Amino acid sequence: MSTARSTRASAAVDRLKVRSGNAGYSMARTGDGLFFLSEAPGEPPLCAPLELDEFVAFVNKLGPQVARRVSKLDVAFEKQLVKKKPAP
């Protein structure tokens, strides 16, 4: 279980490295199983130790965000959702 947790957290950090262009970001794990992020190994943490889901959400919000690709079908579907009115 802990390997999957670390893999999910490290994947989030890897995505941040790619988005930001900063390959120095480093993730660490406390003895309690909490995660924190720093800009480089040995640097002060950028956040308090967090649970896995909170850590991944924190890392995903950092750095430039990648624009979501939207297809024509997605746009048409969203228009249909707006047009529908609830039945009385």
N, C-alpha and C. Protein backbone atom coordinates (compact mmCIF):
# COMPACT_ATOMS: atom_id res chain seq x y z
N MET A 1 0.83 -1.20 0.00
CA MET A 1 0.00 0.00 0.00
C MET A 1 0.87 1.25 0.00
N SER A 2 1.95 1.28 0.79
CA SER A 2 2.76 2.49 0.86
C SER A 2 3.46 2.78 -0.46
N THR A 3 3.78 1.75 -1.24
CA THR A 3 4.41 1.97 -2.53
C THR A 3 3.46 2.69 -3.48
N ALA A 4 2.20 2.27 -3.49
CA ALA A 4 1.22 2.93 -4.35
C ALA A 4 1.02 4.38 -3.91
N ARG A 5 1.02 4.62 -2.62
CA ARG A 5 0.87 5.98 -2.11
C ARG A 5 2.05 6.84 -2.57
N SER A 6 3.26 6.32 -2.42
CA SER A 6 4.44 7.07 -2.83
C SER A 6 4.46 7.29 -4.33
N THR A 7 4.02 6.30 -5.09
CA THR A 7 4.00 6.42 -6.54
C THR A 7 3.05 7.53 -6.97
N ARG A 8 1.87 7.59 -6.37
CA ARG A 8 0.89 8.62 -6.72
C ARG A 8 1.43 10.01 -6.38
N ALA A 9 2.06 10.13 -5.23
CA ALA A 9 2.62 11.41 -4.81
C ALA A 9 3.80 11.80 -5.71
N SER A 10 4.68 10.85 -6.00
CA SER A 10 5.84 11.18 -6.84
C SER A 10 5.42 11.49 -8.27
N ALA A 11 4.35 10.87 -8.75
CA ALA A 11 3.84 11.19 -10.09
C ALA A 11 3.35 12.63 -10.14
N ALA A 12 2.71 13.09 -9.07
CA ALA A 12 2.25 14.48 -9.01
C ALA A 12 3.44 15.43 -9.03
N VAL A 13 4.51 15.09 -8.31
CA VAL A 13 5.71 15.92 -8.29
C VAL A 13 6.37 15.92 -9.67
N ASP A 14 6.41 14.76 -10.33
CA ASP A 14 6.99 14.69 -11.68
C ASP A 14 6.22 15.58 -12.66
N ARG A 15 4.88 15.57 -12.56
CA ARG A 15 4.08 16.44 -13.43
C ARG A 15 4.39 17.91 -13.14
N LEU A 16 4.57 18.26 -11.87
CA LEU A 16 4.92 19.64 -11.49
C LEU A 16 6.27 20.02 -12.09
N LYS A 17 7.24 19.12 -12.03
CA LYS A 17 8.57 19.39 -12.59
C LYS A 17 8.46 19.71 -14.09
N VAL A 18 7.65 18.96 -14.80
CA VAL A 18 7.48 19.17 -16.24
C VAL A 18 6.78 20.51 -16.49
N ARG A 19 5.68 20.77 -15.77
CA ARG A 19 4.91 22.00 -15.97
C ARG A 19 5.74 23.24 -15.65
N SER A 20 6.52 23.18 -14.57
CA SER A 20 7.24 24.37 -14.10
C SER A 20 8.61 24.52 -14.74
N GLY A 21 9.17 23.44 -15.24
CA GLY A 21 10.53 23.50 -15.78
C GLY A 21 11.58 23.46 -14.68
N ASN A 22 11.17 23.25 -13.43
CA ASN A 22 12.09 23.18 -12.30
C ASN A 22 12.26 21.72 -11.90
N ALA A 23 13.39 21.14 -12.29
CA ALA A 23 13.63 19.72 -11.99
C ALA A 23 14.09 19.51 -10.56
N GLY A 24 14.23 20.58 -9.79
CA GLY A 24 14.74 20.47 -8.43
C GLY A 24 13.71 20.12 -7.38
N TYR A 25 12.42 20.18 -7.71
CA TYR A 25 11.40 19.87 -6.70
C TYR A 25 11.66 18.51 -6.09
N SER A 26 11.48 18.44 -4.77
CA SER A 26 11.75 17.21 -4.05
C SER A 26 10.63 16.91 -3.07
N MET A 27 10.21 15.66 -3.03
CA MET A 27 9.17 15.21 -2.12
C MET A 27 9.83 14.41 -1.01
N ALA A 28 9.31 14.57 0.20
CA ALA A 28 9.80 13.76 1.32
C ALA A 28 8.60 13.23 2.09
N ARG A 29 8.84 12.18 2.85
CA ARG A 29 7.78 11.54 3.62
C ARG A 29 8.21 11.47 5.08
N THR A 30 7.32 11.83 5.97
CA THR A 30 7.62 11.78 7.40
C THR A 30 7.43 10.36 7.92
N GLY A 31 7.85 10.13 9.15
CA GLY A 31 7.66 8.83 9.77
C GLY A 31 6.20 8.49 9.98
N ASP A 32 5.34 9.52 10.01
CA ASP A 32 3.90 9.31 10.17
C ASP A 32 3.20 8.99 8.85
N GLY A 33 3.96 8.98 7.75
CA GLY A 33 3.37 8.69 6.45
C GLY A 33 2.81 9.92 5.76
N LEU A 34 3.16 11.12 6.23
CA LEU A 34 2.71 12.36 5.60
C LEU A 34 3.76 12.82 4.59
N PHE A 35 3.34 13.62 3.63
CA PHE A 35 4.22 14.08 2.56
C PHE A 35 4.41 15.58 2.63
N PHE A 36 5.61 16.05 2.21
CA PHE A 36 5.81 17.48 2.04
C PHE A 36 6.73 17.72 0.85
N LEU A 37 6.70 18.94 0.33
CA LEU A 37 7.40 19.31 -0.89
C LEU A 37 8.40 20.42 -0.60
N SER A 38 9.56 20.37 -1.24
CA SER A 38 10.52 21.47 -1.17
C SER A 38 11.03 21.74 -2.57
N GLU A 39 11.62 22.92 -2.75
CA GLU A 39 12.10 23.29 -4.09
C GLU A 39 13.37 22.55 -4.48
N ALA A 40 14.08 22.02 -3.50
CA ALA A 40 15.28 21.23 -3.74
C ALA A 40 15.55 20.40 -2.49
N PRO A 41 16.25 19.30 -2.62
CA PRO A 41 16.56 18.48 -1.44
C PRO A 41 17.29 19.32 -0.39
N GLY A 42 16.85 19.23 0.85
CA GLY A 42 17.49 19.98 1.93
C GLY A 42 16.94 21.38 2.13
N GLU A 43 16.11 21.85 1.20
CA GLU A 43 15.51 23.18 1.32
C GLU A 43 14.33 23.12 2.29
N PRO A 44 13.90 24.28 2.81
CA PRO A 44 12.73 24.28 3.70
C PRO A 44 11.48 23.82 2.94
N PRO A 45 10.57 23.14 3.64
CA PRO A 45 9.35 22.66 2.97
C PRO A 45 8.45 23.81 2.52
N LEU A 46 7.75 23.59 1.41
CA LEU A 46 6.81 24.58 0.88
C LEU A 46 5.43 24.42 1.50
N CYS A 47 5.22 23.34 2.25
CA CYS A 47 3.94 23.10 2.89
C CYS A 47 4.16 22.30 4.16
N ALA A 48 3.17 22.32 5.02
CA ALA A 48 3.21 21.47 6.21
C ALA A 48 3.04 20.02 5.75
N PRO A 49 3.45 19.06 6.52
CA PRO A 49 3.22 17.66 6.14
C PRO A 49 1.73 17.40 5.92
N LEU A 50 1.40 16.77 4.78
CA LEU A 50 0.01 16.58 4.37
C LEU A 50 -0.28 15.10 4.11
N GLU A 51 -1.55 14.73 4.25
CA GLU A 51 -2.02 13.41 3.85
C GLU A 51 -1.89 13.31 2.32
N LEU A 52 -1.93 12.10 1.80
CA LEU A 52 -1.71 11.87 0.37
C LEU A 52 -2.62 12.71 -0.52
N ASP A 53 -3.94 12.64 -0.32
CA ASP A 53 -4.87 13.37 -1.19
C ASP A 53 -4.66 14.87 -1.11
N GLU A 54 -4.40 15.40 0.10
CA GLU A 54 -4.15 16.83 0.26
C GLU A 54 -2.84 17.23 -0.41
N PHE A 55 -1.82 16.36 -0.29
CA PHE A 55 -0.52 16.63 -0.91
C PHE A 55 -0.64 16.68 -2.43
N VAL A 56 -1.31 15.70 -3.02
CA VAL A 56 -1.47 15.66 -4.48
C VAL A 56 -2.24 16.89 -4.95
N ALA A 57 -3.30 17.29 -4.23
CA ALA A 57 -4.07 18.49 -4.60
C ALA A 57 -3.19 19.73 -4.50
N PHE A 58 -2.37 19.83 -3.45
CA PHE A 58 -1.47 20.97 -3.28
C PHE A 58 -0.48 21.05 -4.44
N VAL A 59 0.15 19.93 -4.77
CA VAL A 59 1.16 19.91 -5.84
C VAL A 59 0.50 20.22 -7.18
N ASN A 60 -0.70 19.70 -7.42
CA ASN A 60 -1.38 19.94 -8.69
C ASN A 60 -1.73 21.42 -8.88
N LYS A 61 -1.89 22.17 -7.80
CA LYS A 61 -2.22 23.60 -7.91
C LYS A 61 -1.00 24.47 -8.15
N LEU A 62 0.19 23.95 -7.87
CA LEU A 62 1.41 24.73 -8.04
C LEU A 62 1.81 24.83 -9.51
N GLY A 63 2.55 25.87 -9.83
CA GLY A 63 3.10 26.02 -11.16
C GLY A 63 2.05 26.33 -12.21
N PRO A 64 2.51 26.52 -13.44
CA PRO A 64 1.58 26.79 -14.53
C PRO A 64 0.66 25.60 -14.75
N GLN A 65 -0.57 25.88 -15.09
CA GLN A 65 -1.55 24.83 -15.32
C GLN A 65 -1.66 24.53 -16.81
N VAL A 66 -1.86 23.27 -17.12
CA VAL A 66 -2.01 22.83 -18.50
C VAL A 66 -3.48 23.01 -18.89
N ALA A 67 -3.70 23.65 -20.02
CA ALA A 67 -5.07 23.86 -20.49
C ALA A 67 -5.70 22.51 -20.84
N ARG A 68 -6.94 22.34 -20.44
CA ARG A 68 -7.67 21.10 -20.72
C ARG A 68 -8.09 21.09 -22.19
N ARG A 69 -7.85 19.98 -22.86
CA ARG A 69 -8.25 19.85 -24.26
C ARG A 69 -9.75 19.59 -24.31
N VAL A 70 -10.43 20.33 -25.17
CA VAL A 70 -11.88 20.19 -25.29
C VAL A 70 -12.20 19.90 -26.76
N SER A 71 -12.94 18.82 -26.98
CA SER A 71 -13.32 18.47 -28.35
C SER A 71 -14.64 19.13 -28.72
N LYS A 72 -14.98 19.09 -30.00
CA LYS A 72 -16.26 19.63 -30.46
C LYS A 72 -17.42 18.91 -29.79
N LEU A 73 -17.27 17.61 -29.60
CA LEU A 73 -18.33 16.83 -28.96
C LEU A 73 -18.53 17.27 -27.50
N ASP A 74 -17.44 17.58 -26.80
CA ASP A 74 -17.55 18.06 -25.42
C ASP A 74 -18.32 19.37 -25.37
N VAL A 75 -18.01 20.27 -26.30
CA VAL A 75 -18.68 21.58 -26.35
C VAL A 75 -20.17 21.39 -26.63
N ALA A 76 -20.49 20.54 -27.59
CA ALA A 76 -21.89 20.29 -27.93
C ALA A 76 -22.64 19.66 -26.76
N PHE A 77 -22.02 18.75 -26.06
CA PHE A 77 -22.65 18.10 -24.91
C PHE A 77 -22.92 19.12 -23.80
N GLU A 78 -21.96 19.99 -23.53
CA GLU A 78 -22.16 21.01 -22.50
C GLU A 78 -23.28 21.98 -22.88
N LYS A 79 -23.41 22.29 -24.16
CA LYS A 79 -24.52 23.16 -24.61
C LYS A 79 -25.85 22.47 -24.37
N GLN A 80 -25.93 21.18 -24.63
CA GLN A 80 -27.17 20.43 -24.40
C GLN A 80 -27.53 20.42 -22.93
N LEU A 81 -26.55 20.31 -22.06
CA LEU A 81 -26.82 20.30 -20.63
C LEU A 81 -27.42 21.63 -20.17
N VAL A 82 -26.93 22.72 -20.75
CA VAL A 82 -27.44 24.04 -20.38
C VAL A 82 -28.87 24.24 -20.89
N LYS A 83 -29.18 23.73 -22.08
CA LYS A 83 -30.48 23.91 -22.70
C LYS A 83 -31.59 23.16 -21.97
N LYS A 84 -31.27 22.01 -21.40
CA LYS A 84 -32.31 21.20 -20.76
C LYS A 84 -32.87 21.91 -19.55
N LYS A 85 -34.18 21.92 -19.46
CA LYS A 85 -34.83 22.53 -18.32
C LYS A 85 -35.50 21.44 -17.52
N PRO A 86 -35.49 21.54 -16.21
CA PRO A 86 -36.13 20.50 -15.41
C PRO A 86 -37.63 20.46 -15.64
N ALA A 87 -38.19 19.27 -15.61
CA ALA A 87 -39.65 19.10 -15.81
C ALA A 87 -40.38 19.61 -14.57
N PRO A 88 -41.54 20.27 -14.78
CA PRO A 88 -42.28 20.82 -13.63
C PRO A 88 -42.89 19.77 -12.75
